[in-house]
C-alpha atoms as a PDB file:
ATOM      1  CA  MET A   1     -69.205-142.117 -87.733  1.00  0.00           C
ATOM      2  CA  THR A   2     -68.329-140.987 -84.202  1.00  0.00           C
ATOM      3  CA  ARG A   3     -70.421-141.174 -81.017  1.00  0.00           C
ATOM      4  CA  ARG A   4     -70.922-137.385 -81.035  1.00  0.00           C
ATOM      5  CA  GLN A   5     -72.228-137.493 -84.597  1.00  0.00           C
ATOM      6  CA  LEU A   6     -74.670-140.258 -83.663  1.00  0.00           C
ATOM      7  CA  LEU A   7     -75.982-138.281 -80.633  1.00  0.00           C
ATOM      8  CA  LYS A   8     -76.485-135.193 -82.792  1.00  0.00           C
ATOM      9  CA  MET A   9     -78.364-137.246 -85.393  1.00  0.00           C
ATOM     10  CA  ALA A  10     -80.574-138.780 -82.669  1.00  0.00           C
ATOM     11  CA  ARG A  11     -81.552-135.365 -81.302  1.00  0.00           C
ATOM     12  CA  GLN A  12     -82.436-134.094 -84.779  1.00  0.00           C
ATOM     13  CA  SER A  13     -84.305-137.154 -86.117  1.00  0.00           C
ATOM     14  CA  LEU A  14     -84.959-140.535 -84.491  1.00  0.00           C
ATOM     15  CA  ASP A  15     -86.055-141.977 -87.850  1.00  0.00           C
ATOM     16  CA  SER A  16     -82.599-141.500 -89.338  1.00  0.00           C
ATOM     17  CA  ILE A  17     -81.059-143.530 -86.481  1.00  0.00           C
ATOM     18  CA  ILE A  18     -83.580-146.344 -86.985  1.00  0.00           C
ATOM     19  CA  ASP A  19     -82.840-146.397 -90.731  1.00  0.00           C
ATOM     20  CA  LEU A  20     -79.091-146.555 -90.043  1.00  0.00           C
ATOM     21  CA  VAL A  21     -79.469-149.445 -87.576  1.00  0.00           C
ATOM     22  CA  LEU A  22     -81.676-151.410 -89.970  1.00  0.00           C
ATOM     23  CA  ARG A  23     -79.243-150.859 -92.823  1.00  0.00           C
ATOM     24  CA  LEU A  24     -76.298-152.015 -90.697  1.00  0.00           C
ATOM     25  CA  LEU A  25     -78.230-155.091 -89.564  1.00  0.00           C
ATOM     26  CA  ALA A  26     -78.990-155.963 -93.189  1.00  0.00           C
ATOM     27  CA  GLU A  27     -75.356-155.503 -94.193  1.00  0.00           C
ATOM     28  CA  GLY A  28     -74.271-157.665 -91.252  1.00  0.00           C
ATOM     29  CA  ARG A  29     -76.578-160.498 -92.318  1.00  0.00           C
ATOM     30  CA  GLN A  30     -75.295-160.279 -95.882  1.00  0.00           C
ATOM     31  CA  LEU A  31     -71.662-160.354 -94.730  1.00  0.00           C
ATOM     32  CA  ARG A  32     -72.327-163.386 -92.509  1.00  0.00           C
ATOM     33  CA  ARG A  33     -73.896-165.221 -95.480  1.00  0.00           C
ATOM     34  CA  GLU A  34     -70.884-164.404 -97.669  1.00  0.00           C
ATOM     35  CA  ILE A  35     -68.433-165.513 -94.960  1.00  0.00           C
ATOM     36  CA  LYS A  36     -70.279-168.821 -94.556  1.00  0.00           C
ATOM     37  CA  THR A  37     -70.268-169.382 -98.329  1.00  0.00           C
ATOM     38  CA  LEU A  38     -66.525-168.742 -98.543  1.00  0.00           C
ATOM     39  CA  SER A  39     -65.803-170.897 -95.475  1.00  0.00           C
ATOM     40  CA  ASP A  40     -67.816-173.782 -96.927  1.00  0.00           C
ATOM     41  CA  ARG A  41     -65.989-173.435-100.224  1.00  0.00           C
ATOM     42  CA  LEU A  42     -62.581-173.512 -98.528  1.00  0.00           C
ATOM     43  CA  ALA A  43     -63.594-176.595 -96.534  1.00  0.00           C
ATOM     44  CA  GLN A  44     -64.549-178.564 -99.651  1.00  0.00           C
ATOM     45  CA  ASN A  45     -62.351-181.439-100.751  1.00  0.00           C
ATOM     46  CA  SER A  46     -62.675-184.705-102.647  1.00  0.00           C
ATOM     47  CA  ARG A  47     -64.231-186.397 -99.588  1.00  0.00           C
ATOM     48  CA  ASN A  48     -67.176-184.040 -99.029  1.00  0.00           C
ATOM     49  CA  SER A  49     -67.858-182.742-102.540  1.00  0.00           C
ATOM     50  CA  GLY A  50     -67.593-183.655-106.205  1.00  0.00           C
ATOM     51  CA  LYS A  51     -64.097-182.182-106.515  1.00  0.00           C
ATOM     52  CA  ALA A  52     -61.380-184.396-107.982  1.00  0.00           C
ATOM     53  CA  PRO A  53     -58.751-185.729-105.523  1.00  0.00           C
ATOM     54  CA  SER A  54     -56.057-183.921-107.507  1.00  0.00           C
ATOM     55  CA  SER A  55     -57.551-180.566-106.413  1.00  0.00           C
ATOM     56  CA  ASP A  56     -57.005-181.245-102.712  1.00  0.00           C
ATOM     57  CA  GLY A  57     -53.461-179.879-102.847  1.00  0.00           C
ATOM     58  CA  PRO A  58     -50.814-180.410-100.146  1.00  0.00           C
ATOM     59  CA  GLY A  59     -53.355-179.747 -97.391  1.00  0.00           C
ATOM     60  CA  LYS A  60     -55.456-182.816 -98.228  1.00  0.00           C
ATOM     61  CA  PRO A  61     -56.848-184.723 -95.241  1.00  0.00           C
ATOM     62  CA  ILE A  62     -54.676-187.447 -93.745  1.00  0.00           C
ATOM     63  CA  PRO A  63     -56.007-190.854 -94.862  1.00  0.00           C
ATOM     64  CA  LYS A  64     -57.716-192.788 -92.114  1.00  0.00           C
ATOM     65  CA  SER A  65     -57.421-196.537 -91.847  1.00  0.00           C
ATOM     66  CA  LEU A  66     -60.639-198.444 -92.505  1.00  0.00           C
ATOM     67  CA  ARG A  67     -59.373-201.483 -90.612  1.00  0.00           C
ATOM     68  CA  ALA A  68     -61.373-202.267 -87.506  1.00  0.00           C
ATOM     69  CA  LYS A  69     -59.691-203.348 -84.278  1.00  0.00           C
ATOM     70  CA  THR A  70     -59.726-207.114 -83.775  1.00  0.00           C
ATOM     71  CA  GLY A  71     -58.474-207.283 -80.199  1.00  0.00           C
ATOM     72  CA  ARG A  72     -55.730-209.728 -81.195  1.00  0.00           C
ATOM     73  CA  LYS A  73     -52.131-209.282 -80.125  1.00  0.00           C
ATOM     74  CA  PRO A  74     -49.498-208.265 -82.731  1.00  0.00           C
ATOM     75  CA  GLY A  75     -47.454-210.981 -84.409  1.00  0.00           C
ATOM     76  CA  GLY A  76     -48.225-214.460 -85.694  1.00  0.00           C
ATOM     77  CA  GLN A  77     -51.648-215.812 -84.810  1.00  0.00           C
ATOM     78  CA  PRO A  78     -52.447-219.394 -83.731  1.00  0.00           C
ATOM     79  CA  GLY A  79     -52.489-221.658 -86.797  1.00  0.00           C
ATOM     80  CA  HIS A  80     -50.395-219.246 -88.882  1.00  0.00           C
ATOM     81  CA  ALA A  81     -47.857-221.073 -91.066  1.00  0.00           C
ATOM     82  CA  GLY A  82     -45.096-218.561 -90.313  1.00  0.00           C
ATOM     83  CA  GLN A  83     -41.940-217.669 -92.243  1.00  0.00           C
ATOM     84  CA  THR A  84     -39.183-219.414 -90.255  1.00  0.00           C
ATOM     85  CA  LEU A  85     -35.712-219.471 -91.831  1.00  0.00           C
ATOM     86  CA  GLN A  86     -34.993-222.991 -93.059  1.00  0.00           C
ATOM     87  CA  PRO A  87     -31.583-224.680 -93.639  1.00  0.00           C
ATOM     88  CA  VAL A  88     -30.502-225.280 -97.233  1.00  0.00           C
ATOM     89  CA  ALA A  89     -29.240-228.557 -98.683  1.00  0.00           C
ATOM     90  CA  GLN A  90     -26.146-227.036-100.357  1.00  0.00           C
ATOM     91  CA  PRO A  91     -24.501-224.266 -98.263  1.00  0.00           C
ATOM     92  CA  ASP A  92     -21.921-221.990 -99.893  1.00  0.00           C
ATOM     93  CA  ARG A  93     -19.289-222.696 -97.265  1.00  0.00           C
ATOM     94  CA  VAL A  94     -18.800-225.377 -94.590  1.00  0.00           C
ATOM     95  CA  ILE A  95     -16.744-224.945 -91.397  1.00  0.00           C
ATOM     96  CA  ASP A  96     -15.981-228.112 -89.415  1.00  0.00           C
ATOM     97  CA  HIS A  97     -15.518-227.783 -85.644  1.00  0.00           C
ATOM     98  CA  SER A  98     -13.235-230.517 -84.290  1.00  0.00           C
ATOM     99  CA  LEU A  99     -13.974-232.481 -81.124  1.00  0.00           C
ATOM    100  CA  GLU A 100     -10.555-232.847 -79.429  1.00  0.00           C
ATOM    101  CA  SER A 101     -11.572-234.300 -76.067  1.00  0.00           C
ATOM    102  CA  CYS A 102     -14.607-236.156 -74.742  1.00  0.00           C
ATOM    103  CA  PRO A 103     -17.181-234.030 -72.851  1.00  0.00           C
ATOM    104  CA  CYS A 104     -19.244-237.003 -71.526  1.00  0.00           C
ATOM    105  CA  GLY A 105     -17.954-236.556 -67.954  1.00  0.00           C
ATOM    106  CA  ARG A 106     -17.193-240.278 -67.415  1.00  0.00           C
ATOM    107  CA  CYS A 107     -13.746-240.583 -68.968  1.00  0.00           C
ATOM    108  CA  GLN A 108     -11.921-237.548 -67.495  1.00  0.00           C
ATOM    109  CA  GLY A 109     -11.824-235.828 -70.912  1.00  0.00           C
ATOM    110  CA  ARG A 110     -10.166-238.567 -72.930  1.00  0.00           C
ATOM    111  CA  SER A 111      -8.654-237.463 -76.264  1.00  0.00           C
ATOM    112  CA  LEU A 112     -10.777-238.144 -79.345  1.00  0.00           C
ATOM    113  CA  ARG A 113      -8.278-237.018 -81.995  1.00  0.00           C
ATOM    114  CA  GLY A 114      -7.835-240.518 -83.367  1.00  0.00           C
ATOM    115  CA  GLU A 115     -11.512-241.469 -83.283  1.00  0.00           C
ATOM    116  CA  PRO A 116     -13.533-241.535 -86.533  1.00  0.00           C
ATOM    117  CA  VAL A 117     -16.291-238.968 -87.164  1.00  0.00           C
ATOM    118  CA  ILE A 118     -19.635-240.790 -87.319  1.00  0.00           C
ATOM    119  CA  ASP A 119     -21.858-237.769 -88.074  1.00  0.00           C
ATOM    120  CA  TYR A 120     -22.203-233.983 -87.841  1.00  0.00           C
ATOM    121  CA  ALA A 121     -24.622-231.777 -85.945  1.00  0.00           C
ATOM    122  CA  ARG A 122     -25.488-228.948 -88.293  1.00  0.00           C
ATOM    123  CA  ARG A 123     -26.400-225.286 -87.824  1.00  0.00           C
ATOM    124  CA  GLN A 124     -26.450-222.717 -90.636  1.00  0.00           C
ATOM    125  CA  VAL A 125     -25.817-218.969 -90.481  1.00  0.00           C
ATOM    126  CA  PHE A 126     -27.203-216.761 -93.255  1.00  0.00           C
ATOM    127  CA  ASP A 127     -25.067-213.652 -93.621  1.00  0.00           C
ATOM    128  CA  LEU A 128     -23.622-211.257 -96.173  1.00  0.00           C
ATOM    129  CA  PRO A 129     -20.146-211.902 -97.613  1.00  0.00           C
ATOM    130  CA  VAL A 130     -17.293-209.812 -96.249  1.00  0.00           C
ATOM    131  CA  LYS A 131     -16.767-208.164 -99.629  1.00  0.00           C
ATOM    132  CA  LEU A 132     -20.206-207.086-100.850  1.00  0.00           C
ATOM    133  CA  LEU A 133     -19.165-205.522-104.164  1.00  0.00           C
ATOM    134  CA  GLU A 134     -17.090-207.576-106.587  1.00  0.00           C
ATOM    135  CA  VAL A 135     -14.988-205.725-109.170  1.00  0.00           C
ATOM    136  CA  THR A 136     -14.330-207.451-112.491  1.00  0.00           C
ATOM    137  CA  GLU A 137     -11.707-205.931-114.789  1.00  0.00           C
ATOM    138  CA  HIS A 138     -12.166-206.459-118.509  1.00  0.00           C
ATOM    139  CA  ARG A 139      -8.921-206.276-120.508  1.00  0.00           C
ATOM    140  CA  ALA A 140      -8.993-205.981-124.288  1.00  0.00           C
ATOM    141  CA  GLU A 141      -5.788-207.115-125.926  1.00  0.00           C
ATOM    142  CA  ILE A 142      -3.791-204.553-127.900  1.00  0.00           C
ATOM    143  CA  LYS A 143      -1.461-205.792-130.637  1.00  0.00           C
ATOM    144  CA  ILE A 144       0.493-204.552-133.618  1.00  0.00           C
ATOM    145  CA  CYS A 145      -0.554-205.763-137.061  1.00  0.00           C
ATOM    146  CA  PRO A 146       2.479-207.508-138.642  1.00  0.00           C
ATOM    147  CA  VAL A 147       1.401-206.357-142.110  1.00  0.00           C
ATOM    148  CA  SER A 148       0.310-202.748-141.693  1.00  0.00           C
ATOM    149  CA  GLY A 149       2.060-201.947-138.440  1.00  0.00           C
ATOM    150  CA  CYS A 150      -1.209-200.530-137.053  1.00  0.00           C
ATOM    151  CA  ARG A 151      -2.023-200.699-133.361  1.00  0.00           C
ATOM    152  CA  VAL A 152      -5.253-202.745-133.027  1.00  0.00           C
ATOM    153  CA  GLN A 153      -7.445-203.651-130.059  1.00  0.00           C
ATOM    154  CA  ALA A 154      -9.963-206.380-129.197  1.00  0.00           C
ATOM    155  CA  ASP A 155     -13.603-205.453-128.597  1.00  0.00           C
ATOM    156  CA  PHE A 156     -15.111-205.094-125.135  1.00  0.00           C
ATOM    157  CA  PRO A 157     -18.469-206.741-124.378  1.00  0.00           C
ATOM    158  CA  GLU A 158     -21.420-204.589-125.456  1.00  0.00           C
ATOM    159  CA  GLU A 159     -22.501-203.876-121.863  1.00  0.00           C
ATOM    160  CA  VAL A 160     -19.003-202.684-120.817  1.00  0.00           C
ATOM    161  CA  ARG A 161     -18.920-199.086-122.024  1.00  0.00           C
ATOM    162  CA  ALA A 162     -17.009-197.025-119.459  1.00  0.00           C
ATOM    163  CA  PRO A 163     -13.659-197.192-117.654  1.00  0.00           C
ATOM    164  CA  ALA A 164     -15.608-197.777-114.407  1.00  0.00           C
ATOM    165  CA  GLN A 165     -19.293-198.615-114.143  1.00  0.00           C
ATOM    166  CA  TYR A 166     -21.837-200.555-112.100  1.00  0.00           C
ATOM    167  CA  GLY A 167     -23.018-203.911-113.418  1.00  0.00           C
ATOM    168  CA  ALA A 168     -26.532-204.972-114.391  1.00  0.00           C
ATOM    169  CA  ARG A 169     -27.295-206.832-111.144  1.00  0.00           C
ATOM    170  CA  PHE A 170     -26.207-203.893-109.007  1.00  0.00           C
ATOM    171  CA  LYS A 171     -28.255-201.416-111.056  1.00  0.00           C
ATOM    172  CA  THR A 172     -31.288-203.700-110.810  1.00  0.00           C
ATOM    173  CA  ILE A 173     -31.052-203.457-106.996  1.00  0.00           C
ATOM    174  CA  LEU A 174     -30.858-199.649-107.281  1.00  0.00           C
ATOM    175  CA  THR A 175     -34.085-199.558-109.299  1.00  0.00           C
ATOM    176  CA  TYR A 176     -35.775-201.998-106.927  1.00  0.00           C
ATOM    177  CA  LEU A 177     -34.960-199.844-103.885  1.00  0.00           C
ATOM    178  CA  ASN A 178     -35.830-196.580-105.616  1.00  0.00           C
ATOM    179  CA  ILE A 179     -39.118-197.668-107.232  1.00  0.00           C
ATOM    180  CA  GLU A 180     -40.507-200.498-105.113  1.00  0.00           C
ATOM    181  CA  HIS A 181     -39.397-199.183-101.712  1.00  0.00           C
ATOM    182  CA  PHE A 182     -39.475-195.427-102.482  1.00  0.00           C
ATOM    183  CA  VAL A 183     -35.893-194.790-101.354  1.00  0.00           C
ATOM    184  CA  PRO A 184     -35.124-191.253-102.684  1.00  0.00           C
ATOM    185  CA  PHE A 185     -31.996-190.442-104.674  1.00  0.00           C
ATOM    186  CA  HIS A 186     -30.025-188.770-101.875  1.00  0.00           C
ATOM    187  CA  ARG A 187     -30.717-191.567 -99.377  1.00  0.00           C
ATOM    188  CA  LEU A 188     -29.879-194.208-101.975  1.00  0.00           C
ATOM    189  CA  GLY A 189     -26.550-192.458-102.557  1.00  0.00           C
ATOM    190  CA  ARG A 190     -25.792-192.478 -98.826  1.00  0.00           C
ATOM    191  CA  LEU A 191     -26.775-196.154 -98.574  1.00  0.00           C
ATOM    192  CA  VAL A 192     -24.412-197.192-101.389  1.00  0.00           C
ATOM    193  CA  GLU A 193     -21.557-195.147 -99.950  1.00  0.00           C
ATOM    194  CA  ASP A 194     -22.088-196.438 -96.387  1.00  0.00           C
ATOM    195  CA  ILE A 195     -22.481-200.126 -97.291  1.00  0.00           C
ATOM    196  CA  PHE A 196     -20.335-200.524-100.417  1.00  0.00           C
ATOM    197  CA  GLY A 197     -17.911-197.623 -99.990  1.00  0.00           C
ATOM    198  CA  GLN A 198     -18.554-196.330-103.515  1.00  0.00           C
ATOM    199  CA  PRO A 199     -20.091-193.083-104.819  1.00  0.00           C
ATOM    200  CA  LEU A 200     -23.466-193.030-106.569  1.00  0.00           C
ATOM    201  CA  SER A 201     -24.826-190.236-108.732  1.00  0.00           C
ATOM    202  CA  GLU A 202     -28.489-189.471-109.329  1.00  0.00           C
ATOM    203  CA  ALA A 203     -27.884-189.874-113.069  1.00  0.00           C
ATOM    204  CA  THR A 204     -26.868-193.517-112.510  1.00  0.00           C
ATOM    205  CA  VAL A 205     -30.163-194.295-110.762  1.00  0.00           C
ATOM    206  CA  VAL A 206     -32.173-192.456-113.436  1.00  0.00           C
ATOM    207  CA  ALA A 207     -30.399-194.352-116.221  1.00  0.00           C
ATOM    208  CA  SER A 208     -31.022-197.643-114.407  1.00  0.00           C
ATOM    209  CA  ASN A 209     -34.733-196.850-114.058  1.00  0.00           C
ATOM    210  CA  GLU A 210     -34.981-195.934-117.754  1.00  0.00           C
ATOM    211  CA  ARG A 211     -33.261-199.188-118.708  1.00  0.00           C
ATOM    212  CA  VAL A 212     -35.803-201.220-116.737  1.00  0.00           C
ATOM    213  CA  TYR A 213     -38.666-199.139-118.182  1.00  0.00           C
ATOM    214  CA  ASP A 214     -37.481-199.857-121.729  1.00  0.00           C
ATOM    215  CA  HIS A 215     -37.357-203.594-120.988  1.00  0.00           C
ATOM    216  CA  LEU A 216     -40.935-203.468-119.664  1.00  0.00           C
ATOM    217  CA  GLU A 217     -42.364-202.003-122.890  1.00  0.00           C
ATOM    218  CA  PRO A 218     -43.634-205.402-124.200  1.00  0.00           C
ATOM    219  CA  PHE A 219     -45.298-206.045-120.833  1.00  0.00           C
ATOM    220  CA  GLN A 220     -46.927-202.600-120.908  1.00  0.00           C
ATOM    221  CA  LYS A 221     -48.266-203.202-124.405  1.00  0.00           C
ATOM    222  CA  GLU A 222     -49.678-206.616-123.486  1.00  0.00           C
ATOM    223  CA  LEU A 223     -51.278-205.226-120.314  1.00  0.00           C
ATOM    224  CA  ALA A 224     -52.958-202.393-122.236  1.00  0.00           C
ATOM    225  CA  GLU A 225     -54.327-204.866-124.790  1.00  0.00           C
ATOM    226  CA  GLN A 226     -55.810-207.076-122.070  1.00  0.00           C
ATOM    227  CA  LEU A 227     -57.404-204.107-120.305  1.00  0.00           C
ATOM    228  CA  VAL A 228     -58.959-202.875-123.537  1.00  0.00           C
ATOM    229  CA  GLY A 229     -60.398-206.335-124.108  1.00  0.00           C
ATOM    230  CA  ALA A 230     -61.982-206.523-120.635  1.00  0.00           C
ATOM    231  CA  ALA A 231     -65.775-206.629-120.407  1.00  0.00           C
ATOM    232  CA  LEU A 232     -65.767-204.362-117.336  1.00  0.00           C
ATOM    233  CA  LEU A 233     -63.050-201.791-116.709  1.00  0.00           C
ATOM    234  CA  HIS A 234     -62.609-199.425-113.769  1.00  0.00           C
ATOM    235  CA  VAL A 235     -60.782-196.180-114.560  1.00  0.00           C
ATOM    236  CA  ASP A 236     -59.954-193.320-112.238  1.00  0.00           C
ATOM    237  CA  GLU A 237     -57.543-190.464-111.762  1.00  0.00           C
ATOM    238  CA  SER A 238     -56.012-188.647-108.839  1.00  0.00           C
ATOM    239  CA  GLY A 239     -53.274-186.161-108.115  1.00  0.00           C
ATOM    240  CA  VAL A 240     -49.685-187.034-107.233  1.00  0.00           C
ATOM    241  CA  ARG A 241     -46.666-184.788-106.754  1.00  0.00           C
ATOM    242  CA  VAL A 242     -43.529-185.373-108.813  1.00  0.00           C
ATOM    243  CA  ALA A 243     -40.580-183.120-107.934  1.00  0.00           C
ATOM    244  CA  ALA A 244     -43.024-180.926-105.933  1.00  0.00           C
ATOM    245  CA  LYS A 245     -45.248-180.430-109.003  1.00  0.00           C
ATOM    246  CA  LEU A 246     -48.784-181.775-109.358  1.00  0.00           C
ATOM    247  CA  HIS A 247     -49.246-184.548-111.942  1.00  0.00           C
ATOM    248  CA  TRP A 248     -52.125-186.806-112.923  1.00  0.00           C
ATOM    249  CA  LEU A 249     -52.097-190.381-111.659  1.00  0.00           C
ATOM    250  CA  HIS A 250     -54.254-192.477-114.014  1.00  0.00           C
ATOM    251  CA  VAL A 251     -55.369-195.987-113.165  1.00  0.00           C
ATOM    252  CA  ALA A 252     -57.214-198.655-115.139  1.00  0.00           C
ATOM    253  CA  SER A 253     -58.004-201.969-113.496  1.00  0.00           C
ATOM    254  CA  THR A 254     -59.915-205.219-113.508  1.00  0.00           C
ATOM    255  CA  PRO A 255     -60.045-207.780-110.668  1.00  0.00           C
ATOM    256  CA  GLU A 256     -56.867-209.370-112.103  1.00  0.00           C
ATOM    257  CA  LEU A 257     -54.972-206.481-113.737  1.00  0.00           C
ATOM    258  CA  THR A 258     -53.981-202.956-112.669  1.00  0.00           C
ATOM    259  CA  PHE A 259     -52.296-200.281-114.749  1.00  0.00           C
ATOM    260  CA  TYR A 260     -50.868-197.039-113.287  1.00  0.00           C
ATOM    261  CA  GLY A 261     -49.523-194.106-115.254  1.00  0.00           C
ATOM    262  CA  ILE A 262     -48.300-190.624-114.280  1.00  0.00           C
ATOM    263  CA  LEU A 263     -48.792-187.732-116.689  1.00  0.00           C
ATOM    264  CA  SER A 264     -47.900-184.066-116.447  1.00  0.00           C
ATOM    265  CA  PRO A 265     -50.975-181.782-116.813  1.00  0.00           C
ATOM    266  CA  SER A 266     -49.205-179.890-119.606  1.00  0.00           C
ATOM    267  CA  ALA A 267     -48.091-182.991-121.530  1.00  0.00           C
ATOM    268  CA  ALA A 268     -49.917-184.512-124.478  1.00  0.00           C
ATOM    269  CA  PRO A 269     -51.653-187.868-123.824  1.00  0.00           C
ATOM    270  CA  ARG A 270     -49.277-190.789-124.150  1.00  0.00           C
ATOM    271  CA  PRO A 271     -50.056-193.797-126.367  1.00  0.00           C
ATOM    272  CA  TRP A 272     -51.012-196.008-123.426  1.00  0.00           C
ATOM    273  CA  ILE A 273     -53.610-193.445-122.270  1.00  0.00           C
ATOM    274  CA  ILE A 274     -55.125-193.279-125.753  1.00  0.00           C
ATOM    275  CA  SER A 275     -55.127-197.091-126.143  1.00  0.00           C
ATOM    276  CA  ILE A 276     -56.819-197.730-122.783  1.00  0.00           C
ATOM    277  CA  PHE A 277     -59.102-194.747-122.272  1.00  0.00           C
ATOM    278  CA  CYS A 278     -59.876-193.943-125.913  1.00  0.00           C
ATOM    279  CA  PRO A 279     -59.892-197.277-127.812  1.00  0.00           C
ATOM    280  CA  ALA A 280     -60.060-197.214-131.579  1.00  0.00           C
ATOM    281  CA  ALA A 281     -63.348-198.010-133.275  1.00  0.00           C
ATOM    282  CA  GLY A 282     -63.787-201.705-133.864  1.00  0.00           C
ATOM    283  CA  ALA A 283     -61.395-202.671-131.045  1.00  0.00           C
ATOM    284  CA  GLY A 284     -64.244-203.968-128.930  1.00  0.00           C
ATOM    285  CA  SER A 285     -66.565-202.348-126.437  1.00  0.00           C
ATOM    286  CA  TYR A 286     -66.627-202.462-122.688  1.00  0.00           C
ATOM    287  CA  MET A 287     -68.304-200.757-119.745  1.00  0.00           C
ATOM    288  CA  ILE A 288     -66.335-198.132-117.810  1.00  0.00           C
ATOM    289  CA  ILE A 289     -66.954-197.300-114.145  1.00  0.00           C
ATOM    290  CA  SER A 290     -65.293-194.062-113.022  1.00  0.00           C
ATOM    291  CA  ASN A 291     -65.389-192.576-109.510  1.00  0.00           C
ATOM    292  CA  PRO A 292     -68.063-194.929-108.148  1.00  0.00           C
ATOM    293  CA  ILE A 293     -69.976-193.747-105.062  1.00  0.00           C
END
């Protein structure tokens, strides 16, 4: 409605203008209430409402440290035992430094080449070997059977399956860096190429992780059994992103034991989730505390 239309309406009937103003005021109040409701809803997260942490999304608040300032300087504190590097009794290599002439200052540097060594002052240097990656070639003998004339070959060890592959110790380090220290695939590949001069594919790291996971199956089973048998069990869930997709992070814990598991929202519950969170009848009973306030 234009200004001219409003002036014309005012000259004809003042009541109609009053009704229009009151109606607009009422609509304005209603819109402000709706805006506040929507703003409050958008501001909700797992910290100020009953929403699950997994619903926070990528814009979740940055965690704040609960540690209070102590006023102490960084580093070791008085009375702290420390972690000083200590010499070892059996070093891998020993380098002797000869004393050719006397440094006492009283004998004009007399030669000591013929004098016996009475002792050694020792200092040890801990360092990496020059060649960090050792290559072992396995050769399987090939012979000709004197009876049949067939070409036959000896067997390779079970763990040697490819013309060129990384060994078990090396792959264990890959898993340790990738899982324990969260080094991503592409950075792990650069690290191996820069330090060892060898290529590394993502598939190699994945296969190494799966190998370790398979070896941990007995430990996982034993841990689940102990958690199920606990008198008091804390269980919780949160959201975690895997390959940019939201997954469930489940946790079950006691003061001594902690079990973590990641599950895709679309996947069926895995056996460890059923065994811990939905124990079979007769397997014992326990109290569960979830999301304590």
